[in-house]
Amino acid sequence: MADFIESILFVLAIVIFVILLPLMWLARLRRARHLREQEQKALFEHRQLHPDYAAFTAHYGCEPPPPLRRLYEDRENVLDANFEVHLPSSRHAWLVAWFEPMEEGEWVEMEGFYSFANDGCGNRYLVSPRDADPEVFFLDHETGKREALGVRLSHFLTAKRTR
């Protein structure tokens, strides 16, 4: 009987050390990663909600266009993410993963264009910062090709969106 009880205790010890402890460790790692992701998301949203207009003006030599200012001043709009924009001038939808923060050090030099949004795959949506209502371009990061979308920024920002 003592051997039977010892064998059961041995099997329980093996189960605890081989299965339960690693599972508990993995759950703890998952919680820590989730907290880091939440902190990073909150920091990114803070950066989106606090545009640095002075840095923009210093970098481009002009004030941000009014539609761009409206984007960054509309909390709900600038925090919107992971949607497709449907344009009347285009056959397919244009994915927008997020709107870029407007801050010093984030200027990606693209022949004087400003990158205001990203598709999550490294491709960017660009506008000329000097136009009052600039035309929107899509820059494919793999080919370096810039494609005009045939729409002004004000219309791009108010176009139909789907998830």
Protein backbone atom coordinates (compact mmCIF):
# COMPACT_ATOMS: atom_id res chain seq x y z
CA MET A 1 0.00 0.00 0.00
CA ALA A 2 2.85 2.37 0.85
CA ASP A 3 4.41 1.71 -2.58
CA PHE A 4 1.08 2.51 -4.23
CA ILE A 5 0.77 5.84 -2.36
CA GLU A 6 4.37 6.71 -3.14
CA SER A 7 3.86 5.97 -6.82
CA ILE A 8 0.75 8.18 -6.89
CA LEU A 9 2.66 10.99 -5.17
CA PHE A 10 5.53 10.54 -7.63
CA VAL A 11 3.15 10.79 -10.59
CA LEU A 12 1.54 13.90 -9.07
CA ALA A 13 4.95 15.49 -8.57
CA ILE A 14 5.85 14.76 -12.19
CA VAL A 15 2.56 16.26 -13.40
CA ILE A 16 3.13 19.39 -11.31
CA PHE A 17 6.74 19.91 -12.41
CA VAL A 18 6.37 18.88 -16.03
CA ILE A 19 2.96 20.29 -16.90
CA LEU A 20 1.52 22.73 -14.38
CA LEU A 21 4.60 24.81 -13.54
CA PRO A 22 5.51 25.46 -17.21
CA LEU A 23 1.88 26.36 -17.96
CA MET A 24 1.82 28.78 -15.03
CA TRP A 25 5.13 30.29 -16.23
CA LEU A 26 3.75 30.69 -19.77
CA ALA A 27 0.59 32.37 -18.45
CA ARG A 28 2.73 34.80 -16.48
CA LEU A 29 4.80 35.61 -19.58
CA ARG A 30 1.62 36.12 -21.60
CA ARG A 31 0.25 38.56 -18.99
CA ALA A 32 3.53 40.50 -18.96
CA ARG A 33 3.56 40.70 -22.77
CA HIS A 34 -0.06 41.85 -22.80
CA LEU A 35 0.76 44.63 -20.30
CA ARG A 36 3.74 45.76 -22.42
CA GLU A 37 1.55 45.81 -25.54
CA GLN A 38 -1.10 47.86 -23.73
CA GLU A 39 1.55 50.33 -22.55
CA GLN A 40 2.99 50.64 -26.07
CA LYS A 41 -0.49 51.17 -27.51
CA ALA A 42 -1.25 53.87 -24.94
CA LEU A 43 2.06 55.61 -25.71
CA PHE A 44 1.39 55.48 -29.46
CA GLU A 45 -2.12 56.89 -28.98
CA HIS A 46 -0.69 59.67 -26.80
CA ARG A 47 1.74 60.51 -29.62
CA GLN A 48 -1.13 60.52 -32.15
CA LEU A 49 -3.24 62.82 -29.98
CA HIS A 50 -0.48 65.38 -29.37
CA PRO A 51 0.75 66.55 -32.78
CA ASP A 52 3.78 68.80 -32.83
CA TYR A 53 2.67 71.52 -35.23
CA ALA A 54 5.74 73.65 -34.47
CA ALA A 55 8.08 70.81 -35.46
CA PHE A 56 6.04 70.27 -38.64
CA THR A 57 6.31 73.96 -39.52
CA ALA A 58 10.04 74.00 -38.79
CA HIS A 59 10.63 70.90 -40.92
CA TYR A 60 8.45 71.71 -43.93
CA GLY A 61 8.55 75.53 -43.77
CA CYS A 62 4.76 75.85 -43.72
CA GLU A 63 1.78 75.22 -41.47
CA PRO A 64 0.04 71.83 -41.77
CA PRO A 65 -2.84 71.92 -44.28
CA PRO A 66 -6.29 72.45 -42.70
CA PRO A 67 -7.52 68.88 -43.47
CA LEU A 68 -4.43 67.47 -41.77
CA ARG A 69 -4.98 69.67 -38.71
CA ARG A 70 -8.62 68.51 -38.56
CA LEU A 71 -7.45 64.89 -38.65
CA TYR A 72 -5.15 65.33 -35.64
CA GLU A 73 -7.68 67.42 -33.73
CA ASP A 74 -10.45 64.82 -34.11
CA ARG A 75 -9.66 62.24 -31.43
CA GLU A 76 -12.01 59.59 -32.80
CA ASN A 77 -10.73 59.95 -36.35
CA VAL A 78 -6.99 59.95 -35.61
CA LEU A 79 -7.31 56.90 -33.32
CA ASP A 80 -9.34 54.96 -35.88
CA ALA A 81 -7.33 52.03 -37.20
CA ASN A 82 -7.46 48.92 -39.36
CA PHE A 83 -10.05 49.96 -41.90
CA GLU A 84 -10.40 50.18 -45.65
CA VAL A 85 -11.11 53.44 -47.45
CA HIS A 86 -13.39 53.20 -50.48
CA LEU A 87 -12.75 55.90 -53.06
CA PRO A 88 -14.96 56.61 -56.07
CA SER A 89 -11.82 57.06 -58.20
CA SER A 90 -10.45 53.60 -57.36
CA ARG A 91 -11.53 50.03 -58.07
CA HIS A 92 -10.20 48.61 -54.84
CA ALA A 93 -10.21 49.65 -51.21
CA TRP A 94 -7.16 51.19 -49.56
CA LEU A 95 -6.12 49.72 -46.22
CA VAL A 96 -5.22 52.13 -43.43
CA ALA A 97 -3.71 50.41 -40.41
CA TRP A 98 -3.08 53.63 -38.46
CA PHE A 99 -2.50 57.35 -38.74
CA GLU A 100 1.09 58.40 -38.11
CA PRO A 101 1.95 60.63 -35.14
CA MET A 102 3.06 64.13 -36.08
CA GLU A 103 6.22 64.64 -34.08
CA GLU A 104 9.86 65.61 -34.37
CA GLY A 105 12.11 62.73 -35.34
CA GLU A 106 9.34 60.92 -37.21
CA TRP A 107 9.81 62.73 -40.53
CA VAL A 108 10.53 60.16 -43.17
CA GLU A 109 12.08 62.12 -46.00
CA MET A 110 10.14 61.44 -49.19
CA GLU A 111 10.92 64.27 -51.57
CA GLY A 112 9.12 66.86 -49.47
CA PHE A 113 5.99 64.79 -48.86
CA TYR A 114 4.45 64.15 -45.46
CA SER A 115 3.44 60.60 -44.49
CA PHE A 116 0.17 60.79 -42.57
CA ALA A 117 -0.94 57.13 -42.60
CA ASN A 118 0.40 53.60 -42.99
CA ASP A 119 -1.10 50.36 -44.26
CA GLY A 120 0.73 48.22 -41.71
CA CYS A 121 2.96 46.62 -44.37
CA GLY A 122 5.40 49.52 -44.68
CA ASN A 123 3.50 51.35 -47.40
CA ARG A 124 2.58 54.96 -46.73
CA TYR A 125 -0.02 57.53 -47.63
CA LEU A 126 1.58 60.86 -48.54
CA VAL A 127 0.52 64.44 -49.07
CA SER A 128 2.33 67.60 -50.08
CA PRO A 129 2.42 69.75 -46.94
CA ARG A 130 2.33 72.98 -48.93
CA ASP A 131 -1.11 72.54 -50.55
CA ALA A 132 -4.26 73.74 -48.81
CA ASP A 133 -6.07 70.47 -49.59
CA PRO A 134 -3.34 68.19 -50.92
CA GLU A 135 -3.76 65.23 -53.22
CA VAL A 136 -3.20 61.84 -51.56
CA PHE A 137 -0.53 59.49 -52.86
CA PHE A 138 0.23 55.87 -51.99
CA LEU A 139 3.91 54.95 -51.73
CA ASP A 140 4.77 51.28 -52.22
CA HIS A 141 7.85 50.71 -50.06
CA GLU A 142 9.08 47.76 -52.13
CA THR A 143 9.08 49.45 -55.52
CA GLY A 144 9.40 53.07 -54.41
CA LYS A 145 6.54 53.85 -56.79
CA ARG A 146 4.25 56.71 -55.78
CA GLU A 147 0.68 56.40 -57.05
CA ALA A 148 -1.83 59.26 -57.06
CA LEU A 149 -5.16 58.13 -55.61
CA GLY A 150 -7.12 60.81 -57.46
CA VAL A 151 -8.58 62.30 -54.31
CA ARG A 152 -7.85 65.24 -52.04
CA LEU A 153 -6.99 64.72 -48.37
CA SER A 154 -10.29 66.16 -47.14
CA HIS A 155 -12.20 63.60 -49.24
CA PHE A 156 -9.87 60.73 -48.30
CA LEU A 157 -10.47 61.41 -44.61
CA THR A 158 -14.26 61.52 -45.02
CA ALA A 159 -14.58 58.66 -47.52
CA LYS A 160 -16.57 55.52 -46.68
CA ARG A 161 -14.71 53.16 -44.33
CA THR A 162 -15.25 49.47 -43.74
CA ARG A 163 -13.65 46.97 -41.43
